[in-house]
Structures are given as structure tokens and as C-alpha cells.
Amino acid sequence: MGCGSCCRYFPWLQFTIGLFTFLAFLMGTISFISPAWLEREVEATDLGYAGYSTYQYGILSNGGVMEFNDTNLNRYVWNFKNHWNQWDMVEDKTIMIVFACGLLFLLISFTSITVTECVPIKNRSTMFIMMVIWDVLAALSIAASVIVFCATWHENKALLNLCSNAGGSPEFKAFNLGKCSLSWSLYGAVATACTTIFLTGLNVIASYQAKNQRRDAAFRHM
């Protein structure tokens, strides 16, 4: 059966799954590469952040708003980590790799939904079940990355220098931000995981409907 002669069945559900999968992948990718997981305003007494008014930390990059006194202009400076040794902890490397795996699972799921229309009816239910598996793996990977990041950020030398409070309160430790605050990229990562869980439910519904469609098609040919 060719793609053009496939039975067009619950197209809006498939479109919705495809749209949300693409948005989840896009949001996760932006969160992954952007330098805005933790941030704080830089004080005049801070060492190592001269020229910055705010500084942000991310998995793949760091950045912040830099003040140029000679021109009285502020510009956002974004620097990617370009060497493996810049991730000085095993946990940092693990977070990066696991998050990237989550994005890969989302990409596989998105690729699957784009070709579903060309798959015979009898195989569509299996494809949706496979997408459920990919989405579950993606959600678990991204959620695990966020949790491990929050649990181990106090062991990161760069973050310890950025977020630790010399006065001791609030203390920078696991799940305690110290002087820093959460930034939009971390919220984006959490939203990606939540959207992927939502997609899992949609794919379960699509699989159930595909089974019904296959059964109805079999009855019509009896």
C-alpha cells in the first residue's frame, strides 16, 4: 500500500502529537545549549566576573550581561564550553550526555510520527507503542538530568564560586540555591519533560484508536 492510498485516520491527533513533539524537541534543545540554568547579579566585590552585571551558568555554555564603560553599552556575552576538561566533574559530563540522549529519543519519536501516515494500518498501533517507549525514555532522561544537576551543583567548582554565600546563609548545597536563582533554561528543561509525559498519554490514545481502526477494517473485509 502506497503512502497516497493509506487510510487517513484521526489526522488531527497525529498532527497534535507531531506538533507537540517538535515543540518539546525545540524547547529541550534551546534549554540544552543556552547558558541560563542558574544566574545571579554580580557584585563589585566578586572576583572573576569583572565587567559583568549578571552572570549565567548552563550545561553547554556560560554567559551574562557585560558592561562596556567606554561606550556606556551593555552586551550579552555567550561563551560555549569547547573542551571536554571544562566539565570537571563526572556528574557534569553525565548530565550533559543523559540530557542529549533524551533529546535523541525525542528526535526519534518525532521522526516516527512524521512517517506514520505511510505505514499500513495493521502496523500503526505498534509504531505508537514504540513512540510511547521513546517518549518515556526521553522524559526520564531529561528529568534525571535536572534532578542530578540540582543535587550536585554544590560540588561544581564554577557554581560554588558563583553561588556560595560568604556569610553562610543561605547556604549553597543540594537543592539550595545560595546566592543564585533559577533561570529560564532550567524551567524550559522541566517543561520539556512535562510535555513529553503529556505526549506519552497522547500516543497511548493513538495506539488504542489504531487497534480499533485495524479491527474495524478487518470486519469490513469479512
N, C-alpha and C. Protein backbone atom coordinates (compact mmCIF):
# COMPACT_ATOMS: atom_id res chain seq x y z
N MET A 1 0.85 -1.20 0.00
CA MET A 1 0.00 0.00 0.00
C MET A 1 0.88 1.24 0.00
N GLY A 2 0.67 2.15 -0.96
CA GLY A 2 1.49 3.34 -1.03
C GLY A 2 1.05 4.38 -0.03
N CYS A 3 1.89 5.38 0.10
CA CYS A 3 1.59 6.43 1.08
C CYS A 3 0.32 7.18 0.71
N GLY A 4 0.12 7.41 -0.59
CA GLY A 4 -1.04 8.17 -1.01
C GLY A 4 -2.35 7.45 -0.80
N SER A 5 -2.30 6.08 -0.79
CA SER A 5 -3.54 5.31 -0.63
C SER A 5 -3.79 4.88 0.80
N CYS A 6 -2.96 5.32 1.75
CA CYS A 6 -3.15 4.95 3.15
C CYS A 6 -4.47 5.53 3.67
N CYS A 7 -5.08 4.79 4.55
CA CYS A 7 -6.32 5.30 5.17
C CYS A 7 -5.98 6.47 6.09
N ARG A 8 -6.57 7.62 5.82
CA ARG A 8 -6.30 8.79 6.67
C ARG A 8 -7.20 8.71 7.90
N TYR A 9 -6.57 8.53 9.02
CA TYR A 9 -7.28 8.13 10.22
C TYR A 9 -6.81 8.97 11.39
N PHE A 10 -7.76 9.55 12.15
CA PHE A 10 -7.54 10.52 13.21
C PHE A 10 -6.36 11.47 12.90
N PRO A 11 -6.42 12.19 11.77
CA PRO A 11 -5.29 13.04 11.37
C PRO A 11 -4.97 14.13 12.37
N TRP A 12 -6.01 14.68 13.06
CA TRP A 12 -5.73 15.78 13.97
C TRP A 12 -4.97 15.31 15.20
N LEU A 13 -5.22 14.09 15.65
CA LEU A 13 -4.46 13.56 16.78
C LEU A 13 -3.00 13.36 16.39
N GLN A 14 -2.77 12.82 15.21
CA GLN A 14 -1.40 12.64 14.74
C GLN A 14 -0.71 14.00 14.57
N PHE A 15 -1.44 14.97 14.03
CA PHE A 15 -0.86 16.30 13.86
C PHE A 15 -0.51 16.91 15.21
N THR A 16 -1.42 16.74 16.20
CA THR A 16 -1.16 17.28 17.54
C THR A 16 0.07 16.63 18.16
N ILE A 17 0.19 15.31 18.02
CA ILE A 17 1.36 14.61 18.56
C ILE A 17 2.64 15.12 17.89
N GLY A 18 2.58 15.25 16.55
CA GLY A 18 3.75 15.74 15.83
C GLY A 18 4.14 17.15 16.23
N LEU A 19 3.13 18.02 16.38
CA LEU A 19 3.40 19.42 16.74
C LEU A 19 4.04 19.51 18.12
N PHE A 20 3.44 18.82 19.11
CA PHE A 20 3.96 18.90 20.47
C PHE A 20 5.32 18.22 20.59
N THR A 21 5.55 17.17 19.81
CA THR A 21 6.86 16.52 19.83
C THR A 21 7.93 17.46 19.29
N PHE A 22 7.59 18.17 18.20
CA PHE A 22 8.54 19.13 17.64
C PHE A 22 8.81 20.26 18.62
N LEU A 23 7.75 20.78 19.25
CA LEU A 23 7.93 21.87 20.21
C LEU A 23 8.75 21.42 21.42
N ALA A 24 8.51 20.19 21.88
CA ALA A 24 9.28 19.66 23.01
C ALA A 24 10.75 19.52 22.64
N PHE A 25 11.02 19.03 21.43
CA PHE A 25 12.40 18.89 20.98
C PHE A 25 13.07 20.25 20.85
N LEU A 26 12.35 21.22 20.27
CA LEU A 26 12.91 22.56 20.11
C LEU A 26 13.18 23.21 21.46
N MET A 27 12.22 23.11 22.38
CA MET A 27 12.38 23.71 23.71
C MET A 27 13.52 23.04 24.46
N GLY A 28 13.62 21.70 24.36
CA GLY A 28 14.71 20.99 25.02
C GLY A 28 16.08 21.35 24.46
N THR A 29 16.14 21.51 23.14
CA THR A 29 17.42 21.86 22.51
C THR A 29 17.88 23.26 22.92
N ILE A 30 16.95 24.21 22.93
CA ILE A 30 17.29 25.58 23.35
C ILE A 30 17.74 25.59 24.81
N SER A 31 17.03 24.84 25.65
CA SER A 31 17.42 24.77 27.07
C SER A 31 18.80 24.13 27.22
N PHE A 32 19.10 23.16 26.38
CA PHE A 32 20.36 22.42 26.46
C PHE A 32 21.55 23.31 26.12
N ILE A 33 21.41 24.12 25.08
CA ILE A 33 22.57 24.89 24.61
C ILE A 33 22.68 26.27 25.26
N SER A 34 21.61 26.76 25.85
CA SER A 34 21.65 28.12 26.38
C SER A 34 22.35 28.16 27.75
N PRO A 35 22.90 29.31 28.12
CA PRO A 35 23.68 29.41 29.36
C PRO A 35 22.85 29.90 30.55
N ALA A 36 21.58 29.56 30.59
CA ALA A 36 20.71 30.18 31.60
C ALA A 36 20.02 29.14 32.47
N TRP A 37 20.81 28.32 33.19
CA TRP A 37 20.23 27.38 34.15
C TRP A 37 20.21 28.01 35.54
N LEU A 38 21.35 28.60 35.93
CA LEU A 38 21.43 29.36 37.17
C LEU A 38 21.99 30.73 36.85
N GLU A 39 21.60 31.74 37.63
CA GLU A 39 22.11 33.08 37.38
C GLU A 39 22.08 33.89 38.67
N ARG A 40 22.84 34.98 38.65
CA ARG A 40 22.75 35.96 39.74
C ARG A 40 23.38 37.26 39.29
N GLU A 41 23.04 38.31 39.99
CA GLU A 41 23.63 39.61 39.72
C GLU A 41 25.03 39.66 40.32
N VAL A 42 25.96 40.22 39.57
CA VAL A 42 27.35 40.28 40.00
C VAL A 42 27.56 41.53 40.85
N GLU A 43 28.22 41.35 41.97
CA GLU A 43 28.53 42.46 42.88
C GLU A 43 29.93 42.98 42.62
N ALA A 44 30.20 44.19 43.09
CA ALA A 44 31.50 44.81 42.84
C ALA A 44 32.64 44.05 43.50
N THR A 45 32.34 43.32 44.56
CA THR A 45 33.39 42.58 45.28
C THR A 45 33.65 41.20 44.72
N ASP A 46 32.88 40.77 43.72
CA ASP A 46 33.05 39.44 43.16
C ASP A 46 34.33 39.37 42.33
N LEU A 47 35.10 38.32 42.55
CA LEU A 47 36.32 38.10 41.79
C LEU A 47 36.03 37.12 40.65
N GLY A 48 36.60 37.40 39.49
CA GLY A 48 36.43 36.52 38.35
C GLY A 48 35.28 36.87 37.44
N TYR A 49 34.49 37.85 37.81
CA TYR A 49 33.35 38.24 36.99
C TYR A 49 33.39 39.73 36.68
N ALA A 50 34.59 40.25 36.57
CA ALA A 50 34.77 41.68 36.30
C ALA A 50 34.11 42.05 34.96
N GLY A 51 33.35 43.13 34.97
CA GLY A 51 32.69 43.62 33.77
C GLY A 51 31.28 43.12 33.60
N TYR A 52 30.90 42.06 34.31
CA TYR A 52 29.55 41.52 34.20
C TYR A 52 28.61 42.21 35.19
N SER A 53 27.40 42.45 34.74
CA SER A 53 26.36 42.91 35.66
C SER A 53 25.51 41.73 36.13
N THR A 54 25.30 40.75 35.25
CA THR A 54 24.68 39.48 35.61
C THR A 54 25.48 38.36 34.96
N TYR A 55 25.49 37.20 35.62
CA TYR A 55 26.22 36.06 35.07
C TYR A 55 25.33 34.83 35.14
N GLN A 56 25.36 34.02 34.06
CA GLN A 56 24.52 32.83 33.96
C GLN A 56 25.36 31.60 33.65
N TYR A 57 24.90 30.47 34.19
CA TYR A 57 25.61 29.20 34.00
C TYR A 57 24.67 28.20 33.33
N GLY A 58 25.21 27.46 32.34
CA GLY A 58 24.44 26.43 31.66
C GLY A 58 25.25 25.16 31.48
N ILE A 59 24.63 24.14 30.90
CA ILE A 59 25.31 22.87 30.70
C ILE A 59 26.39 23.00 29.65
N LEU A 60 26.05 23.59 28.50
CA LEU A 60 27.00 23.68 27.39
C LEU A 60 27.66 25.03 27.26
N SER A 61 27.18 26.04 27.97
CA SER A 61 27.72 27.38 27.79
C SER A 61 27.49 28.22 29.03
N ASN A 62 28.26 29.29 29.12
CA ASN A 62 28.09 30.30 30.16
C ASN A 62 27.93 31.66 29.48
N GLY A 63 27.37 32.60 30.20
CA GLY A 63 27.21 33.92 29.61
C GLY A 63 26.71 34.92 30.63
N GLY A 64 26.46 36.12 30.14
CA GLY A 64 25.96 37.16 31.02
C GLY A 64 25.99 38.51 30.34
N VAL A 65 25.42 39.48 31.02
CA VAL A 65 25.40 40.85 30.50
C VAL A 65 26.67 41.55 30.94
N MET A 66 27.45 41.99 29.96
CA MET A 66 28.72 42.65 30.25
C MET A 66 28.59 44.14 29.99
N GLU A 67 29.13 44.92 30.91
CA GLU A 67 29.08 46.37 30.80
C GLU A 67 30.37 46.90 30.17
N PHE A 68 30.23 47.73 29.15
CA PHE A 68 31.37 48.35 28.50
C PHE A 68 31.36 49.83 28.85
N ASN A 69 32.21 50.19 29.80
CA ASN A 69 32.20 51.56 30.32
C ASN A 69 32.61 52.59 29.29
N ASP A 70 33.47 52.17 28.33
CA ASP A 70 33.95 53.15 27.35
C ASP A 70 32.84 53.57 26.38
N THR A 71 31.85 52.71 26.18
CA THR A 71 30.77 53.04 25.25
C THR A 71 29.42 53.20 25.95
N ASN A 72 29.39 52.94 27.25
CA ASN A 72 28.16 53.02 28.03
C ASN A 72 27.07 52.09 27.47
N LEU A 73 27.51 50.96 26.92
CA LEU A 73 26.59 49.99 26.36
C LEU A 73 26.72 48.66 27.11
N ASN A 74 25.62 47.94 27.18
CA ASN A 74 25.62 46.60 27.75
C ASN A 74 25.40 45.59 26.63
N ARG A 75 26.13 44.50 26.69
CA ARG A 75 26.00 43.49 25.64
C ARG A 75 26.02 42.11 26.28
N TYR A 76 25.18 41.23 25.74
CA TYR A 76 25.16 39.86 26.27
C TYR A 76 26.29 39.06 25.65
N VAL A 77 27.10 38.46 26.50
CA VAL A 77 28.24 37.66 26.04
C VAL A 77 27.94 36.20 26.30
N TRP A 78 28.10 35.37 25.27
CA TRP A 78 27.74 33.95 25.33
C TRP A 78 28.95 33.13 24.92
N ASN A 79 29.47 32.30 25.83
CA ASN A 79 30.67 31.50 25.57
C ASN A 79 30.36 30.01 25.71
N PHE A 80 30.60 29.25 24.63
CA PHE A 80 30.39 27.81 24.69
C PHE A 80 31.61 27.13 25.31
N LYS A 81 31.34 26.07 26.04
CA LYS A 81 32.42 25.23 26.55
C LYS A 81 32.88 24.35 25.40
N ASN A 82 34.14 24.49 25.04
CA ASN A 82 34.63 23.82 23.83
C ASN A 82 35.70 22.77 24.11
N HIS A 83 35.86 22.40 25.37
CA HIS A 83 36.86 21.39 25.71
C HIS A 83 36.29 20.46 26.77
N TRP A 84 36.53 19.15 26.60
CA TRP A 84 35.97 18.15 27.49
C TRP A 84 36.35 18.40 28.95
N ASN A 85 37.55 18.93 29.19
CA ASN A 85 38.02 19.15 30.57
C ASN A 85 37.31 20.31 31.26
N GLN A 86 36.53 21.10 30.50
CA GLN A 86 35.77 22.19 31.13
C GLN A 86 34.63 21.65 32.00
N TRP A 87 34.23 20.41 31.78
CA TRP A 87 33.30 19.75 32.69
C TRP A 87 34.15 18.96 33.67
N ASP A 88 34.43 19.55 34.83
CA ASP A 88 35.44 19.00 35.73
C ASP A 88 34.92 17.87 36.61
N MET A 89 33.60 17.61 36.61
CA MET A 89 33.04 16.54 37.42
C MET A 89 32.42 15.47 36.53
N VAL A 90 32.46 14.24 37.01
CA VAL A 90 31.79 13.16 36.29
C VAL A 90 30.30 13.45 36.19
N GLU A 91 29.73 14.03 37.25
CA GLU A 91 28.30 14.35 37.25
C GLU A 91 27.95 15.33 36.14
N ASP A 92 28.82 16.33 35.91
CA ASP A 92 28.56 17.31 34.85
C ASP A 92 28.51 16.64 33.48
N LYS A 93 29.47 15.76 33.24
CA LYS A 93 29.51 15.06 31.96
C LYS A 93 28.31 14.12 31.81
N THR A 94 27.93 13.49 32.92
CA THR A 94 26.78 12.59 32.88
C THR A 94 25.50 13.36 32.58
N ILE A 95 25.33 14.52 33.22
CA ILE A 95 24.15 15.35 32.97
C ILE A 95 24.07 15.73 31.49
N MET A 96 25.19 16.14 30.92
CA MET A 96 25.22 16.55 29.52
C MET A 96 24.86 15.39 28.60
N ILE A 97 25.46 14.21 28.84
CA ILE A 97 25.24 13.06 27.96
C ILE A 97 23.80 12.54 28.09
N VAL A 98 23.30 12.44 29.33
CA VAL A 98 21.95 11.92 29.53
C VAL A 98 20.91 12.87 28.94
N PHE A 99 21.10 14.18 29.10
CA PHE A 99 20.17 15.15 28.52
C PHE A 99 20.19 15.04 27.00
N ALA A 100 21.39 14.89 26.42
CA ALA A 100 21.49 14.73 24.96
C ALA A 100 20.78 13.46 24.50
N CYS A 101 20.87 12.39 25.29
CA CYS A 101 20.16 11.15 24.95
C CYS A 101 18.65 11.38 24.96
N GLY A 102 18.16 12.16 25.93
CA GLY A 102 16.75 12.49 25.97
C GLY A 102 16.29 13.21 24.72
N LEU A 103 17.11 14.15 24.25
CA LEU A 103 16.78 14.86 23.01
C LEU A 103 16.81 13.92 21.81
N LEU A 104 17.73 12.95 21.82
CA LEU A 104 17.79 11.97 20.73
C LEU A 104 16.52 11.11 20.71
N PHE A 105 16.05 10.69 21.87
CA PHE A 105 14.81 9.91 21.94
C PHE A 105 13.63 10.73 21.41
N LEU A 106 13.59 12.02 21.74
CA LEU A 106 12.53 12.88 21.22
C LEU A 106 12.61 13.01 19.70
N LEU A 107 13.83 13.12 19.18
CA LEU A 107 14.00 13.23 17.74
C LEU A 107 13.54 11.95 17.04
N ILE A 108 13.84 10.79 17.62
CA ILE A 108 13.38 9.52 17.05
C ILE A 108 11.85 9.47 17.06
N SER A 109 11.25 9.92 18.17
CA SER A 109 9.79 9.93 18.26
C SER A 109 9.18 10.86 17.22
N PHE A 110 9.79 12.03 17.02
CA PHE A 110 9.28 12.97 16.02
C PHE A 110 9.41 12.39 14.61
N THR A 111 10.53 11.73 14.34
CA THR A 111 10.71 11.10 13.02
C THR A 111 9.67 10.02 12.80
N SER A 112 9.35 9.28 13.85
CA SER A 112 8.35 8.20 13.73
C SER A 112 6.97 8.74 13.40
N ILE A 113 6.57 9.82 14.08
CA ILE A 113 5.21 10.35 13.84
C ILE A 113 5.09 10.95 12.45
N THR A 114 6.19 11.44 11.88
CA THR A 114 6.13 12.03 10.54
C THR A 114 5.92 10.97 9.46
N VAL A 115 6.29 9.72 9.72
CA VAL A 115 6.14 8.67 8.70
C VAL A 115 4.97 7.74 9.00
N THR A 116 4.24 7.99 10.08
CA THR A 116 3.15 7.10 10.47
C THR A 116 2.08 7.01 9.40
N GLU A 117 1.82 8.11 8.71
CA GLU A 117 0.77 8.13 7.69
C GLU A 117 1.08 7.17 6.55
N CYS A 118 2.34 6.85 6.35
CA CYS A 118 2.74 5.95 5.26
C CYS A 118 2.84 4.50 5.71
N VAL A 119 2.49 4.23 6.95
CA VAL A 119 2.58 2.87 7.50
C VAL A 119 1.22 2.19 7.37
N PRO A 120 1.19 0.92 6.95
CA PRO A 120 -0.09 0.21 6.88
C PRO A 120 -0.82 0.22 8.21
N ILE A 121 -2.16 0.16 8.14
CA ILE A 121 -2.98 0.25 9.35
C ILE A 121 -2.59 -0.80 10.37
N LYS A 122 -2.28 -2.00 9.91
CA LYS A 122 -2.00 -3.09 10.85
C LYS A 122 -0.75 -2.86 11.68
N ASN A 123 0.14 -1.96 11.22
CA ASN A 123 1.40 -1.71 11.94
C ASN A 123 1.41 -0.41 12.72
N ARG A 124 0.36 0.39 12.60
CA ARG A 124 0.38 1.71 13.22
C ARG A 124 0.35 1.63 14.75
N SER A 125 -0.43 0.70 15.27
CA SER A 125 -0.50 0.57 16.73
C SER A 125 0.87 0.29 17.31
N THR A 126 1.63 -0.57 16.63
CA THR A 126 3.00 -0.89 17.10
C THR A 126 3.88 0.34 17.07
N MET A 127 3.73 1.16 16.03
CA MET A 127 4.55 2.37 15.94
C MET A 127 4.23 3.33 17.08
N PHE A 128 2.95 3.47 17.41
CA PHE A 128 2.59 4.37 18.51
C PHE A 128 3.11 3.84 19.84
N ILE A 129 3.09 2.52 20.03
CA ILE A 129 3.66 1.95 21.25
C ILE A 129 5.16 2.23 21.32
N MET A 130 5.84 2.14 20.20
CA MET A 130 7.27 2.46 20.17
C MET A 130 7.50 3.93 20.52
N MET A 131 6.61 4.81 20.06
CA MET A 131 6.74 6.23 20.40
C MET A 131 6.49 6.46 21.88
N VAL A 132 5.59 5.67 22.48
CA VAL A 132 5.40 5.74 23.94
C VAL A 132 6.72 5.42 24.64
N ILE A 133 7.40 4.37 24.16
CA ILE A 133 8.67 3.98 24.77
C ILE A 133 9.71 5.09 24.61
N TRP A 134 9.81 5.66 23.40
CA TRP A 134 10.79 6.73 23.17
C TRP A 134 10.48 7.94 24.05
N ASP A 135 9.20 8.28 24.17
CA ASP A 135 8.82 9.45 24.98
C ASP A 135 9.09 9.21 26.46
N VAL A 136 8.82 8.00 26.95
CA VAL A 136 9.11 7.70 28.35
C VAL A 136 10.61 7.80 28.62
N LEU A 137 11.41 7.25 27.70
CA LEU A 137 12.87 7.33 27.86
C LEU A 137 13.34 8.78 27.82
N ALA A 138 12.75 9.59 26.92
CA ALA A 138 13.13 11.00 26.83
C ALA A 138 12.78 11.74 28.12
N ALA A 139 11.57 11.53 28.62
CA ALA A 139 11.14 12.22 29.84
C ALA A 139 12.01 11.81 31.02
N LEU A 140 12.31 10.52 31.15
CA LEU A 140 13.15 10.05 32.25
C LEU A 140 14.56 10.62 32.15
N SER A 141 15.11 10.68 30.94
CA SER A 141 16.47 11.19 30.75
C SER A 141 16.57 12.67 31.12
N ILE A 142 15.62 13.46 30.61
CA ILE A 142 15.66 14.91 30.88
C ILE A 142 15.38 15.19 32.35
N ALA A 143 14.39 14.49 32.92
CA ALA A 143 14.08 14.69 34.34
C ALA A 143 15.26 14.28 35.22
N ALA A 144 15.91 13.16 34.88
CA ALA A 144 17.06 12.71 35.66
C ALA A 144 18.20 13.72 35.58
N SER A 145 18.39 14.33 34.41
CA SER A 145 19.45 15.34 34.26
C SER A 145 19.18 16.54 35.16
N VAL A 146 17.95 16.99 35.19
CA VAL A 146 17.61 18.15 36.02
C VAL A 146 17.78 17.82 37.50
N ILE A 147 17.32 16.64 37.92
CA ILE A 147 17.42 16.26 39.33
C ILE A 147 18.87 16.11 39.76
N VAL A 148 19.68 15.45 38.93
CA VAL A 148 21.10 15.27 39.27
C VAL A 148 21.81 16.63 39.30
N PHE A 149 21.45 17.51 38.37
CA PHE A 149 22.04 18.85 38.37
C PHE A 149 21.76 19.58 39.68
N CYS A 150 20.50 19.54 40.13
CA CYS A 150 20.13 20.22 41.37
C CYS A 150 20.76 19.55 42.60
N ALA A 151 20.98 18.25 42.52
CA ALA A 151 21.53 17.52 43.66
C ALA A 151 23.04 17.65 43.79
N THR A 152 23.71 18.01 42.69
CA THR A 152 25.19 18.03 42.71
C THR A 152 25.78 19.39 42.37
N TRP A 153 24.95 20.43 42.21
CA TRP A 153 25.52 21.71 41.78
C TRP A 153 26.48 22.30 42.81
N HIS A 154 26.33 21.95 44.08
CA HIS A 154 27.22 22.50 45.11
C HIS A 154 28.62 21.89 45.04
N GLU A 155 28.81 20.82 44.24
CA GLU A 155 30.12 20.21 44.07
C GLU A 155 30.85 20.72 42.84
N ASN A 156 30.17 21.54 42.06
CA ASN A 156 30.76 22.13 40.86
C ASN A 156 31.57 23.36 41.26
N LYS A 157 32.85 23.39 40.88
CA LYS A 157 33.73 24.48 41.31
C LYS A 157 33.25 25.83 40.81
N ALA A 158 32.84 25.88 39.54
CA ALA A 158 32.38 27.15 38.97
C ALA A 158 31.13 27.65 39.67
N LEU A 159 30.19 26.74 39.93
CA LEU A 159 28.96 27.14 40.61
C LEU A 159 29.21 27.44 42.08
N LEU A 160 30.16 26.74 42.68
CA LEU A 160 30.48 27.02 44.08
C LEU A 160 31.03 28.43 44.23
N ASN A 161 31.85 28.85 43.26
CA ASN A 161 32.38 30.21 43.28
C ASN A 161 31.30 31.24 42.97
N LEU A 162 30.33 30.85 42.13
CA LEU A 162 29.29 31.79 41.71
C LEU A 162 28.19 31.94 42.76
N CYS A 163 27.80 30.84 43.39
CA CYS A 163 26.58 30.84 44.19
C CYS A 163 26.80 30.75 45.70
N SER A 164 28.01 30.38 46.13
CA SER A 164 28.22 30.23 47.57
C SER A 164 28.17 31.59 48.26
N ASN A 165 27.64 31.61 49.44
CA ASN A 165 27.47 32.84 50.21
C ASN A 165 28.52 32.89 51.30
N ALA A 166 29.36 33.94 51.26
CA ALA A 166 30.42 34.06 52.25
C ALA A 166 29.86 34.17 53.67
N GLY A 167 28.68 34.72 53.79
CA GLY A 167 28.07 34.86 55.11
C GLY A 167 27.48 33.56 55.64
N GLY A 168 27.36 32.57 54.74
CA GLY A 168 26.88 31.27 55.15
C GLY A 168 25.38 31.08 55.09
N SER A 169 24.62 32.12 54.85
CA SER A 169 23.17 32.00 54.78
C SER A 169 22.63 32.90 53.66
N PRO A 170 21.86 32.36 52.71
CA PRO A 170 21.50 30.94 52.61
C PRO A 170 22.68 30.10 52.09
N GLU A 171 22.78 28.89 52.57
CA GLU A 171 23.89 28.01 52.20
C GLU A 171 23.67 27.42 50.82
N PHE A 172 24.76 27.34 50.06
CA PHE A 172 24.70 26.72 48.73
C PHE A 172 24.97 25.23 48.88
N LYS A 173 23.94 24.43 48.71
CA LYS A 173 24.06 22.98 48.85
C LYS A 173 23.03 22.32 47.93
N ALA A 174 22.91 21.01 48.03
CA ALA A 174 21.97 20.30 47.16
C ALA A 174 20.57 20.85 47.31
N PHE A 175 19.97 21.23 46.19
CA PHE A 175 18.61 21.76 46.13
C PHE A 175 18.44 23.08 46.90
N ASN A 176 19.56 23.73 47.20
CA ASN A 176 19.55 25.04 47.86
C ASN A 176 20.42 25.98 47.04
N LEU A 177 19.84 27.07 46.58
CA LEU A 177 20.47 27.90 45.55
C LEU A 177 21.55 28.84 46.05
N GLY A 178 21.66 29.07 47.34
CA GLY A 178 22.62 30.05 47.82
C GLY A 178 22.27 31.43 47.30
N LYS A 179 23.26 32.12 46.69
CA LYS A 179 23.03 33.46 46.16
C LYS A 179 22.42 33.45 44.76
N CYS A 180 22.39 32.29 44.11
CA CYS A 180 21.90 32.21 42.74
C CYS A 180 20.38 32.05 42.70
N SER A 181 19.86 32.12 41.51
CA SER A 181 18.43 31.87 41.29
C SER A 181 18.29 31.03 40.03
N LEU A 182 17.17 30.32 39.94
CA LEU A 182 16.90 29.52 38.75
C LEU A 182 16.61 30.44 37.57
N SER A 183 17.06 30.02 36.40
CA SER A 183 16.83 30.81 35.20
C SER A 183 15.94 30.06 34.23
N TRP A 184 15.60 30.68 33.12
CA TRP A 184 14.55 30.18 32.24
C TRP A 184 14.91 28.87 31.57
N SER A 185 16.18 28.58 31.34
CA SER A 185 16.55 27.34 30.67
C SER A 185 16.21 26.11 31.51
N LEU A 186 16.40 26.23 32.82
CA LEU A 186 16.05 25.11 33.69
C LEU A 186 14.55 24.89 33.70
N TYR A 187 13.79 25.98 33.70
CA TYR A 187 12.33 25.84 33.59
C TYR A 187 11.96 25.22 32.24
N GLY A 188 12.70 25.59 31.20
CA GLY A 188 12.44 25.01 29.88
C GLY A 188 12.70 23.51 29.86
N ALA A 189 13.76 23.07 30.55
CA ALA A 189 14.04 21.64 30.63
C ALA A 189 12.93 20.89 31.36
N VAL A 190 12.44 21.47 32.45
CA VAL A 190 11.34 20.85 33.20
C VAL A 190 10.08 20.81 32.33
N ALA A 191 9.82 21.90 31.61
CA ALA A 191 8.64 21.94 30.73
C ALA A 191 8.77 20.90 29.60
N THR A 192 9.98 20.68 29.12
CA THR A 192 10.19 19.66 28.09
C THR A 192 9.84 18.28 28.61
N ALA A 193 10.30 17.97 29.82
CA ALA A 193 9.96 16.67 30.42
C ALA A 193 8.46 16.52 30.62
N CYS A 194 7.80 17.57 31.10
CA CYS A 194 6.35 17.51 31.33
C CYS A 194 5.59 17.35 30.02
N THR A 195 6.03 18.07 28.98
CA THR A 195 5.38 17.95 27.67
C THR A 195 5.55 16.55 27.11
N THR A 196 6.71 15.96 27.33
CA THR A 196 6.96 14.60 26.84
C THR A 196 6.08 13.59 27.55
N ILE A 197 5.84 13.79 28.84
CA ILE A 197 4.91 12.91 29.57
C ILE A 197 3.50 13.05 28.99
N PHE A 198 3.09 14.28 28.68
CA PHE A 198 1.80 14.52 28.04
C PHE A 198 1.73 13.80 26.69
N LEU A 199 2.81 13.83 25.93
CA LEU A 199 2.86 13.14 24.64
C LEU A 199 2.72 11.63 24.81
N THR A 200 3.25 11.10 25.91
CA THR A 200 3.12 9.68 26.17
C THR A 200 1.65 9.29 26.24
N GLY A 201 0.86 10.10 26.94
CA GLY A 201 -0.58 9.84 27.03
C GLY A 201 -1.26 9.91 25.68
N LEU A 202 -0.90 10.91 24.86
CA LEU A 202 -1.49 11.02 23.53
C LEU A 202 -1.15 9.82 22.67
N ASN A 203 0.07 9.33 22.77
CA ASN A 203 0.47 8.17 21.97
C ASN A 203 -0.24 6.90 22.42
N VAL A 204 -0.52 6.79 23.71
CA VAL A 204 -1.29 5.65 24.20
C VAL A 204 -2.70 5.68 23.60
N ILE A 205 -3.32 6.88 23.59
CA ILE A 205 -4.65 7.02 22.99
C ILE A 205 -4.60 6.69 21.50
N ALA A 206 -3.57 7.18 20.81
CA ALA A 206 -3.44 6.91 19.38
C ALA A 206 -3.26 5.42 19.10
N SER A 207 -2.50 4.74 19.95
CA SER A 207 -2.31 3.30 19.78
C SER A 207 -3.63 2.56 19.95
N TYR A 208 -4.42 2.96 20.95
CA TYR A 208 -5.71 2.32 21.19
C TYR A 208 -6.64 2.55 20.00
N GLN A 209 -6.66 3.76 19.47
CA GLN A 209 -7.51 4.05 18.32
C GLN A 209 -7.05 3.29 17.08
N ALA A 210 -5.73 3.13 16.92
CA ALA A 210 -5.22 2.38 15.77
C ALA A 210 -5.64 0.92 15.84
N LYS A 211 -5.67 0.35 17.03
CA LYS A 211 -6.14 -1.02 17.18
C LYS A 211 -7.60 -1.14 16.78
N ASN A 212 -8.42 -0.16 17.21
CA ASN A 212 -9.83 -0.18 16.83
C ASN A 212 -10.01 -0.03 15.32
N GLN A 213 -9.20 0.82 14.71
CA GLN A 213 -9.28 1.02 13.27
C GLN A 213 -8.90 -0.26 12.53
N ARG A 214 -7.88 -0.94 13.00
CA ARG A 214 -7.46 -2.20 12.37
C ARG A 214 -8.55 -3.26 12.51
N ARG A 215 -9.18 -3.31 13.67
CA ARG A 215 -10.26 -4.28 13.89
C ARG A 215 -11.46 -3.98 13.01
N ASP A 216 -11.82 -2.69 12.89
CA ASP A 216 -12.96 -2.32 12.04
C ASP A 216 -12.67 -2.63 10.58
N ALA A 217 -11.43 -2.39 10.17
CA ALA A 217 -11.06 -2.69 8.77
C ALA A 217 -11.14 -4.19 8.51
N ALA A 218 -10.77 -5.00 9.51
CA ALA A 218 -10.85 -6.46 9.34
C ALA A 218 -12.30 -6.91 9.24
N PHE A 219 -13.21 -6.31 10.03
CA PHE A 219 -14.62 -6.67 9.97
C PHE A 219 -15.23 -6.29 8.62
N ARG A 220 -14.81 -5.18 8.06
CA ARG A 220 -15.37 -4.75 6.78
C ARG A 220 -14.99 -5.68 5.65
N HIS A 221 -13.86 -6.38 5.79
CA HIS A 221 -13.39 -7.27 4.73
C HIS A 221 -13.83 -8.72 4.95
N MET A 222 -14.59 -8.95 5.99
CA MET A 222 -15.05 -10.32 6.25
C MET A 222 -16.22 -10.67 5.32
